Amino acid sequence: MLQLPGFDANEIKNYRRQLKDQQIPDGKIETFCRLTPAQRAKLNLFGGDKAKLAELEKVIKVMPLVTVAN
């Protein structure tokens, strides 16, 4: 199971509560990683802790995002 830095149960709940308001289609980690850095910043995760958000962005930047077409 993939876990992003700083994400615990509370952060996941915070993210999922915002899905509809932020017009995010689902709570999948893939969807989260495909958001722009600005969209993720707008979610105000980690109580606004910029260091944690910066660490998260570093990890997402180096993650391989693969799209498979049939």
C-alpha atoms as a PDB file:
ATOM      1  CA  MET A   1       0.000   0.000   0.000  1.00  0.00           C
ATOM      2  CA  LEU A   2       1.366   3.390  -0.997  1.00  0.00           C
ATOM      3  CA  GLN A   3       1.420   6.083   1.644  1.00  0.00           C
ATOM      4  CA  LEU A   4       2.300   9.700   1.047  1.00  0.00           C
ATOM      5  CA  PRO A   5       4.427  11.555   3.611  1.00  0.00           C
ATOM      6  CA  GLY A   6       2.460  13.280   6.326  1.00  0.00           C
ATOM      7  CA  PHE A   7      -0.786  11.518   5.479  1.00  0.00           C
ATOM      8  CA  ASP A   8      -2.498   9.922   8.418  1.00  0.00           C
ATOM      9  CA  ALA A   9      -6.136   9.016   8.964  1.00  0.00           C
ATOM     10  CA  ASN A  10      -7.053  12.613   9.862  1.00  0.00           C
ATOM     11  CA  GLU A  11      -5.481  14.074   6.707  1.00  0.00           C
ATOM     12  CA  ILE A  12      -7.218  11.490   4.547  1.00  0.00           C
ATOM     13  CA  LYS A  13     -10.576  12.342   6.154  1.00  0.00           C
ATOM     14  CA  ASN A  14      -9.887  16.061   5.635  1.00  0.00           C
ATOM     15  CA  TYR A  15      -9.110  15.432   1.962  1.00  0.00           C
ATOM     16  CA  ARG A  16     -12.194  13.286   1.394  1.00  0.00           C
ATOM     17  CA  ARG A  17     -14.465  15.889   3.010  1.00  0.00           C
ATOM     18  CA  GLN A  18     -13.307  18.384   0.392  1.00  0.00           C
ATOM     19  CA  LEU A  19     -13.766  16.244  -2.714  1.00  0.00           C
ATOM     20  CA  LYS A  20     -17.159  17.637  -3.705  1.00  0.00           C
ATOM     21  CA  ASP A  21     -16.367  21.265  -2.810  1.00  0.00           C
ATOM     22  CA  GLN A  22     -13.119  21.189  -4.790  1.00  0.00           C
ATOM     23  CA  GLN A  23     -14.729  19.280  -7.695  1.00  0.00           C
ATOM     24  CA  ILE A  24     -12.352  16.336  -7.360  1.00  0.00           C
ATOM     25  CA  PRO A  25     -13.952  13.245  -8.942  1.00  0.00           C
ATOM     26  CA  ASP A  26     -12.809  10.631  -6.406  1.00  0.00           C
ATOM     27  CA  GLY A  27     -10.574  10.018  -3.411  1.00  0.00           C
ATOM     28  CA  LYS A  28      -8.059   7.777  -5.154  1.00  0.00           C
ATOM     29  CA  ILE A  29      -4.382   8.434  -4.548  1.00  0.00           C
ATOM     30  CA  GLU A  30      -3.847   8.553  -8.327  1.00  0.00           C
ATOM     31  CA  THR A  31      -6.394  11.351  -8.629  1.00  0.00           C
ATOM     32  CA  PHE A  32      -4.751  13.231  -5.763  1.00  0.00           C
ATOM     33  CA  CYS A  33      -1.317  12.946  -7.389  1.00  0.00           C
ATOM     34  CA  ARG A  34      -2.677  14.218 -10.698  1.00  0.00           C
ATOM     35  CA  LEU A  35      -3.968  17.435  -9.115  1.00  0.00           C
ATOM     36  CA  THR A  36      -1.800  20.465  -9.733  1.00  0.00           C
ATOM     37  CA  PRO A  37       0.373  21.707  -6.874  1.00  0.00           C
ATOM     38  CA  ALA A  38      -1.929  24.738  -6.656  1.00  0.00           C
ATOM     39  CA  GLN A  39      -4.995  22.499  -6.318  1.00  0.00           C
ATOM     40  CA  ARG A  40      -3.319  20.498  -3.546  1.00  0.00           C
ATOM     41  CA  ALA A  41      -2.257  23.693  -1.750  1.00  0.00           C
ATOM     42  CA  LYS A  42      -5.857  24.897  -1.889  1.00  0.00           C
ATOM     43  CA  LEU A  43      -6.893  21.839   0.139  1.00  0.00           C
ATOM     44  CA  ASN A  44      -5.037  23.294   3.156  1.00  0.00           C
ATOM     45  CA  LEU A  45      -3.750  19.904   4.227  1.00  0.00           C
ATOM     46  CA  PHE A  46      -1.481  19.511   7.269  1.00  0.00           C
ATOM     47  CA  GLY A  47      -3.092  22.497   8.946  1.00  0.00           C
ATOM     48  CA  GLY A  48      -1.251  24.812   6.563  1.00  0.00           C
ATOM     49  CA  ASP A  49       2.209  23.374   7.418  1.00  0.00           C
ATOM     50  CA  LYS A  50       4.196  24.499   4.366  1.00  0.00           C
ATOM     51  CA  ALA A  51       7.154  22.205   5.157  1.00  0.00           C
ATOM     52  CA  LYS A  52       4.933  19.117   5.073  1.00  0.00           C
ATOM     53  CA  LEU A  53       3.272  20.294   1.872  1.00  0.00           C
ATOM     54  CA  ALA A  54       6.679  20.920   0.276  1.00  0.00           C
ATOM     55  CA  GLU A  55       7.817  17.401   1.240  1.00  0.00           C
ATOM     56  CA  LEU A  56       4.635  15.965  -0.245  1.00  0.00           C
ATOM     57  CA  GLU A  57       5.192  17.872  -3.499  1.00  0.00           C
ATOM     58  CA  LYS A  58       8.762  16.522  -3.737  1.00  0.00           C
ATOM     59  CA  VAL A  59       7.508  12.950  -3.420  1.00  0.00           C
ATOM     60  CA  ILE A  60       4.685  13.424  -5.929  1.00  0.00           C
ATOM     61  CA  LYS A  61       7.045  15.061  -8.421  1.00  0.00           C
ATOM     62  CA  VAL A  62       9.218  11.940  -8.628  1.00  0.00           C
ATOM     63  CA  MET A  63       6.373   9.421  -8.633  1.00  0.00           C
ATOM     64  CA  PRO A  64       5.719   7.694 -11.929  1.00  0.00           C
ATOM     65  CA  LEU A  65       2.147   8.423 -13.034  1.00  0.00           C
ATOM     66  CA  VAL A  66       1.209   5.814 -15.577  1.00  0.00           C
ATOM     67  CA  THR A  67      -1.821   5.886 -17.853  1.00  0.00           C
ATOM     68  CA  VAL A  68      -2.940   2.659 -19.453  1.00  0.00           C
ATOM     69  CA  ALA A  69      -5.158   2.735 -22.528  1.00  0.00           C
ATOM     70  CA  ASN A  70      -7.088  -0.241 -23.891  1.00  0.00           C
END
